[in-house]
Amino acid sequence: QVSGHESVTLLVCLFAFGEAQRDLDRARSRAAEAALALAKCRHKLDQVVDHAFEQQKFSPIEALFCEEEAACRAYKRAAKRLVTSEGRWFALRAALAAEQEQEQLGPMPSHQLN
């Protein structure tokens, strides 16, 4: 039997875990989108650079280098957010597992709560 206080703790953890899962899903999606955008940008840049070498005209590609740098920064931000989200998700998953284990063991004796 779980006391009211323990079930509230479990519910708070479940809510936080669900929130972390949604955040992790969004971060994964954004990181994948950013990686794809960066890959497309680099592919386009490679094609333009190859063409520029053939034509020996390099002035129009400066904007593409700027675009690639911006895409790279966006990808790095998304990847960093993903790492943060994964860390939060793993921590909450561990906390939830600990709460579930405690629930199975039953209430803690009052002298162990401090």
Protein backbone atom coordinates (compact mmCIF):
# COMPACT_ATOMS: atom_id res chain seq x y z
CA GLN A 1 0.00 0.00 0.00
CA VAL A 2 1.32 3.40 -0.95
CA SER A 3 0.65 6.33 1.33
CA GLY A 4 -0.80 9.56 -0.08
CA HIS A 5 2.56 11.36 0.11
CA GLU A 6 4.37 8.64 -1.85
CA SER A 7 1.72 8.49 -4.57
CA VAL A 8 1.91 12.26 -4.99
CA THR A 9 5.69 11.97 -5.35
CA LEU A 10 5.22 9.24 -7.94
CA LEU A 11 2.68 11.33 -9.85
CA VAL A 12 4.96 14.35 -9.83
CA CYS A 13 7.78 12.19 -11.14
CA LEU A 14 5.51 10.68 -13.82
CA PHE A 15 4.44 14.16 -14.91
CA ALA A 16 8.04 15.37 -15.02
CA PHE A 17 9.12 12.21 -16.84
CA GLY A 18 6.39 12.68 -19.45
CA GLU A 19 7.40 16.31 -19.88
CA ALA A 20 11.04 15.28 -20.25
CA GLN A 21 10.06 12.63 -22.81
CA ARG A 22 8.20 15.21 -24.91
CA ASP A 23 11.14 17.62 -24.61
CA LEU A 24 13.54 14.86 -25.66
CA ASP A 25 11.36 13.98 -28.66
CA ARG A 26 11.29 17.63 -29.73
CA ALA A 27 15.05 17.96 -29.26
CA ARG A 28 15.68 14.81 -31.31
CA SER A 29 13.43 16.09 -34.07
CA ARG A 30 15.09 19.52 -34.11
CA ALA A 31 18.57 17.98 -34.11
CA ALA A 32 17.62 15.73 -37.02
CA GLU A 33 16.13 18.68 -38.92
CA ALA A 34 19.24 20.77 -38.25
CA ALA A 35 21.52 17.93 -39.36
CA LEU A 36 19.53 17.53 -42.57
CA ALA A 37 19.59 21.30 -43.24
CA LEU A 38 23.35 21.34 -42.68
CA ALA A 39 23.86 18.34 -44.99
CA LYS A 40 21.77 19.97 -47.73
CA CYS A 41 23.63 23.23 -47.33
CA ARG A 42 27.01 21.50 -47.53
CA HIS A 43 25.93 19.48 -50.56
CA LYS A 44 24.81 22.64 -52.33
CA LEU A 45 28.03 24.39 -51.35
CA ASP A 46 30.10 21.48 -52.68
CA GLN A 47 28.28 21.66 -56.01
CA VAL A 48 28.73 25.42 -56.27
CA VAL A 49 32.41 25.22 -55.32
CA ASP A 50 32.98 22.53 -57.96
CA HIS A 51 31.23 24.70 -60.53
CA ALA A 52 33.20 27.78 -59.40
CA PHE A 53 36.47 25.89 -59.88
CA GLU A 54 35.36 24.91 -63.36
CA GLN A 55 34.42 28.50 -64.21
CA GLN A 56 37.19 30.12 -62.13
CA LYS A 57 34.59 32.49 -60.61
CA PHE A 58 34.33 32.47 -56.83
CA SER A 59 32.59 35.69 -55.82
CA PRO A 60 28.97 34.39 -55.66
CA ILE A 61 29.77 31.59 -53.22
CA GLU A 62 30.52 33.79 -50.21
CA ALA A 63 26.82 33.88 -49.29
CA LEU A 64 26.72 30.06 -49.35
CA PHE A 65 29.67 29.89 -46.95
CA CYS A 66 27.74 32.21 -44.60
CA GLU A 67 24.65 30.01 -44.97
CA GLU A 68 26.71 26.91 -44.16
CA GLU A 69 28.20 28.58 -41.08
CA ALA A 70 24.71 29.54 -39.87
CA ALA A 71 23.44 26.01 -40.47
CA CYS A 72 26.43 24.62 -38.58
CA ARG A 73 25.74 26.91 -35.60
CA ALA A 74 22.05 25.89 -35.62
CA TYR A 75 23.03 22.23 -35.68
CA LYS A 76 25.46 22.67 -32.78
CA ARG A 77 22.74 24.41 -30.72
CA ALA A 78 20.26 21.65 -31.51
CA ALA A 79 22.82 18.95 -30.65
CA LYS A 80 23.61 20.66 -27.34
CA ARG A 81 19.89 20.89 -26.51
CA LEU A 82 19.53 17.20 -27.35
CA VAL A 83 22.34 16.26 -24.94
CA THR A 84 20.71 18.36 -22.20
CA SER A 85 17.30 16.79 -22.86
CA GLU A 86 18.76 13.29 -22.85
CA GLY A 87 20.48 13.96 -19.53
CA ARG A 88 17.25 15.18 -17.95
CA TRP A 89 15.31 12.24 -19.36
CA PHE A 90 17.83 9.67 -18.08
CA ALA A 91 17.90 11.29 -14.63
CA LEU A 92 14.12 11.29 -14.39
CA ARG A 93 13.94 7.72 -15.66
CA ALA A 94 16.32 6.69 -12.87
CA ALA A 95 14.28 8.64 -10.31
CA LEU A 96 11.08 7.01 -11.52
CA ALA A 97 12.66 3.56 -11.30
CA ALA A 98 13.79 4.33 -7.74
CA GLU A 99 10.30 5.49 -6.79
CA GLN A 100 8.75 2.38 -8.30
CA GLU A 101 11.21 0.20 -6.44
CA GLN A 102 10.41 2.01 -3.19
CA GLU A 103 6.71 1.57 -3.87
CA GLN A 104 7.22 -2.19 -4.20
CA LEU A 105 9.21 -2.30 -0.94
CA GLY A 106 6.53 -0.41 0.94
CA PRO A 107 6.73 2.67 3.13
CA MET A 108 10.03 3.53 4.74
CA PRO A 109 10.17 3.30 8.53
CA SER A 110 9.91 6.78 10.03
CA HIS A 111 13.39 6.57 11.62
CA GLN A 112 14.95 6.22 8.10
CA LEU A 113 13.27 9.29 6.62
CA ASN A 114 15.82 11.76 8.02
